[in-house]
Amino acid sequence: MSRPRKPGIRYFPLDTDFFENKKVRRLTRAFGAIAASVLVNLLCTIYKDKGYYMRWDNDMPFLIADLVGVTEGAVMETVNKAVLIGFFHAGLFERYKILTSKGIQARYLEAVSRR
């Protein structure tokens, strides 16, 4: 009997120039190294759970802050700025309270196409 498939993926590629990305650099400039930790943790959560998006509810700032070791306020500020500069899709965040982007969705589709 085969193992049941999980909705997310167990692995996702992280570009070697992730920290050179202009949006990541803006966030790092604004919030320091905390921003990179928050972003990577958010990406892991997105890909692990649904695979291409995650719901942003009242519990998520606490859960991410607890894992990263920062305040909930720092997580919320980082997410808000990430949405503002286009790291995450602003329209979907405002309308549905989800975090995703075209890049996240493309990487997810590429990963599941190899299953």
C-alpha atoms as a PDB file:
ATOM      1  CA  MET A   1       0.000   0.000   0.000  1.00  0.00           C
ATOM      2  CA  SER A   2       1.433   3.344  -0.981  1.00  0.00           C
ATOM      3  CA  ARG A   3       1.883   6.274   1.316  1.00  0.00           C
ATOM      4  CA  PRO A   4      -0.922   8.883   1.145  1.00  0.00           C
ATOM      5  CA  ARG A   5       0.108  12.092  -0.575  1.00  0.00           C
ATOM      6  CA  LYS A   6       0.341  15.225   1.488  1.00  0.00           C
ATOM      7  CA  PRO A   7      -0.988  18.447  -0.003  1.00  0.00           C
ATOM      8  CA  GLY A   8       2.312  20.304   0.274  1.00  0.00           C
ATOM      9  CA  ILE A   9       5.816  19.404  -0.800  1.00  0.00           C
ATOM     10  CA  ARG A  10       8.726  18.177   1.303  1.00  0.00           C
ATOM     11  CA  TYR A  11      11.419  20.123  -0.536  1.00  0.00           C
ATOM     12  CA  PHE A  12      11.571  23.414  -2.396  1.00  0.00           C
ATOM     13  CA  PRO A  13      14.446  25.056  -4.228  1.00  0.00           C
ATOM     14  CA  LEU A  14      15.906  28.176  -2.676  1.00  0.00           C
ATOM     15  CA  ASP A  15      17.786  30.197  -5.263  1.00  0.00           C
ATOM     16  CA  THR A  16      21.434  30.779  -4.472  1.00  0.00           C
ATOM     17  CA  ASP A  17      20.878  34.489  -5.043  1.00  0.00           C
ATOM     18  CA  PHE A  18      17.944  34.646  -2.598  1.00  0.00           C
ATOM     19  CA  PHE A  19      19.754  37.133  -0.374  1.00  0.00           C
ATOM     20  CA  GLU A  20      20.699  39.252  -3.393  1.00  0.00           C
ATOM     21  CA  ASN A  21      17.061  39.593  -4.472  1.00  0.00           C
ATOM     22  CA  LYS A  22      16.064  43.255  -4.355  1.00  0.00           C
ATOM     23  CA  LYS A  23      12.917  42.564  -2.332  1.00  0.00           C
ATOM     24  CA  VAL A  24      14.783  40.443   0.205  1.00  0.00           C
ATOM     25  CA  ARG A  25      17.456  43.129   0.446  1.00  0.00           C
ATOM     26  CA  ARG A  26      14.825  45.806   1.111  1.00  0.00           C
ATOM     27  CA  LEU A  27      13.347  43.706   3.907  1.00  0.00           C
ATOM     28  CA  THR A  28      16.768  42.953   5.363  1.00  0.00           C
ATOM     29  CA  ARG A  29      17.654  46.645   5.264  1.00  0.00           C
ATOM     30  CA  ALA A  30      14.409  47.494   7.068  1.00  0.00           C
ATOM     31  CA  PHE A  31      14.410  44.713   9.680  1.00  0.00           C
ATOM     32  CA  GLY A  32      17.879  43.196   9.757  1.00  0.00           C
ATOM     33  CA  ALA A  33      18.621  39.479   9.738  1.00  0.00           C
ATOM     34  CA  ILE A  34      15.231  38.834  11.346  1.00  0.00           C
ATOM     35  CA  ALA A  35      13.607  39.448   7.952  1.00  0.00           C
ATOM     36  CA  ALA A  36      15.496  36.623   6.252  1.00  0.00           C
ATOM     37  CA  SER A  37      14.620  34.193   9.043  1.00  0.00           C
ATOM     38  CA  VAL A  38      10.962  35.163   8.890  1.00  0.00           C
ATOM     39  CA  LEU A  39      10.850  34.893   5.090  1.00  0.00           C
ATOM     40  CA  VAL A  40      12.488  31.473   4.946  1.00  0.00           C
ATOM     41  CA  ASN A  41      10.211  30.221   7.711  1.00  0.00           C
ATOM     42  CA  LEU A  42       7.155  31.545   5.871  1.00  0.00           C
ATOM     43  CA  LEU A  43       8.286  29.861   2.643  1.00  0.00           C
ATOM     44  CA  CYS A  44       8.799  26.571   4.479  1.00  0.00           C
ATOM     45  CA  THR A  45       5.336  26.842   6.010  1.00  0.00           C
ATOM     46  CA  ILE A  46       3.753  27.675   2.659  1.00  0.00           C
ATOM     47  CA  TYR A  47       5.367  24.783   0.794  1.00  0.00           C
ATOM     48  CA  LYS A  48       4.865  22.291   3.651  1.00  0.00           C
ATOM     49  CA  ASP A  49       1.188  22.999   4.259  1.00  0.00           C
ATOM     50  CA  LYS A  50      -0.858  23.794   1.168  1.00  0.00           C
ATOM     51  CA  GLY A  51       2.105  23.891  -1.169  1.00  0.00           C
ATOM     52  CA  TYR A  52       1.511  27.204  -2.884  1.00  0.00           C
ATOM     53  CA  TYR A  53      -0.157  29.490  -0.321  1.00  0.00           C
ATOM     54  CA  MET A  54      -0.890  29.845   3.368  1.00  0.00           C
ATOM     55  CA  ARG A  55      -3.713  31.464   5.271  1.00  0.00           C
ATOM     56  CA  TRP A  56      -2.604  34.456   7.309  1.00  0.00           C
ATOM     57  CA  ASP A  57      -4.755  34.366  10.439  1.00  0.00           C
ATOM     58  CA  ASN A  58      -4.397  35.668  13.994  1.00  0.00           C
ATOM     59  CA  ASP A  59      -2.328  32.652  15.094  1.00  0.00           C
ATOM     60  CA  MET A  60       0.327  32.817  12.376  1.00  0.00           C
ATOM     61  CA  PRO A  61       2.334  35.755  13.771  1.00  0.00           C
ATOM     62  CA  PHE A  62       2.702  33.890  17.069  1.00  0.00           C
ATOM     63  CA  LEU A  63       3.606  30.572  15.426  1.00  0.00           C
ATOM     64  CA  ILE A  64       6.249  32.114  13.180  1.00  0.00           C
ATOM     65  CA  ALA A  65       7.607  34.325  15.991  1.00  0.00           C
ATOM     66  CA  ASP A  66       7.880  31.328  18.296  1.00  0.00           C
ATOM     67  CA  LEU A  67       9.849  29.329  15.722  1.00  0.00           C
ATOM     68  CA  VAL A  68      12.144  32.183  14.718  1.00  0.00           C
ATOM     69  CA  GLY A  69      12.606  33.652  18.209  1.00  0.00           C
ATOM     70  CA  VAL A  70      11.329  37.166  17.536  1.00  0.00           C
ATOM     71  CA  THR A  71       8.268  39.148  18.573  1.00  0.00           C
ATOM     72  CA  GLU A  72       4.897  38.813  16.890  1.00  0.00           C
ATOM     73  CA  GLY A  73       5.146  42.497  16.023  1.00  0.00           C
ATOM     74  CA  ALA A  74       8.388  41.887  14.128  1.00  0.00           C
ATOM     75  CA  VAL A  75       6.740  39.104  12.133  1.00  0.00           C
ATOM     76  CA  MET A  76       3.691  41.241  11.337  1.00  0.00           C
ATOM     77  CA  GLU A  77       5.866  44.198  10.274  1.00  0.00           C
ATOM     78  CA  THR A  78       7.956  41.944   8.041  1.00  0.00           C
ATOM     79  CA  VAL A  79       4.888  40.400   6.414  1.00  0.00           C
ATOM     80  CA  ASN A  80       3.223  43.764   5.870  1.00  0.00           C
ATOM     81  CA  LYS A  81       6.366  45.177   4.261  1.00  0.00           C
ATOM     82  CA  ALA A  82       6.809  41.996   2.167  1.00  0.00           C
ATOM     83  CA  VAL A  83       3.275  42.457   0.835  1.00  0.00           C
ATOM     84  CA  LEU A  84       3.869  46.166   0.242  1.00  0.00           C
ATOM     85  CA  ILE A  85       7.005  45.624  -1.850  1.00  0.00           C
ATOM     86  CA  GLY A  86       5.581  42.676  -3.788  1.00  0.00           C
ATOM     87  CA  PHE A  87       7.360  39.707  -2.233  1.00  0.00           C
ATOM     88  CA  PHE A  88       3.851  38.359  -1.630  1.00  0.00           C
ATOM     89  CA  HIS A  89       0.845  39.154  -3.840  1.00  0.00           C
ATOM     90  CA  ALA A  90      -0.885  42.205  -2.321  1.00  0.00           C
ATOM     91  CA  GLY A  91      -4.308  41.665  -3.899  1.00  0.00           C
ATOM     92  CA  LEU A  92      -4.644  38.096  -2.678  1.00  0.00           C
ATOM     93  CA  PHE A  93      -3.393  39.079   0.759  1.00  0.00           C
ATOM     94  CA  GLU A  94      -5.887  41.915   1.085  1.00  0.00           C
ATOM     95  CA  ARG A  95      -8.833  40.026  -0.370  1.00  0.00           C
ATOM     96  CA  TYR A  96      -8.330  36.491   0.988  1.00  0.00           C
ATOM     97  CA  LYS A  97      -5.663  36.923   3.708  1.00  0.00           C
ATOM     98  CA  ILE A  98      -3.304  34.464   2.045  1.00  0.00           C
ATOM     99  CA  LEU A  99       0.413  34.660   1.389  1.00  0.00           C
ATOM    100  CA  THR A 100       1.523  33.556  -2.075  1.00  0.00           C
ATOM    101  CA  SER A 101       3.217  34.859  -5.202  1.00  0.00           C
ATOM    102  CA  LYS A 102       3.664  33.887  -8.846  1.00  0.00           C
ATOM    103  CA  GLY A 103       7.126  32.547  -8.030  1.00  0.00           C
ATOM    104  CA  ILE A 104       5.847  30.410  -5.157  1.00  0.00           C
ATOM    105  CA  GLN A 105       3.100  28.979  -7.340  1.00  0.00           C
ATOM    106  CA  ALA A 106       5.489  28.288 -10.229  1.00  0.00           C
ATOM    107  CA  ARG A 107       7.955  26.448  -7.963  1.00  0.00           C
ATOM    108  CA  TYR A 108       5.098  24.406  -6.479  1.00  0.00           C
ATOM    109  CA  LEU A 109       3.756  23.424  -9.911  1.00  0.00           C
ATOM    110  CA  GLU A 110       7.251  22.426 -11.034  1.00  0.00           C
ATOM    111  CA  ALA A 111       7.751  20.298  -7.932  1.00  0.00           C
ATOM    112  CA  VAL A 112       4.432  18.446  -8.172  1.00  0.00           C
ATOM    113  CA  SER A 113       4.814  17.864 -11.903  1.00  0.00           C
ATOM    114  CA  ARG A 114       7.769  15.571 -11.030  1.00  0.00           C
ATOM    115  CA  ARG A 115       5.679  13.390  -8.674  1.00  0.00           C
END
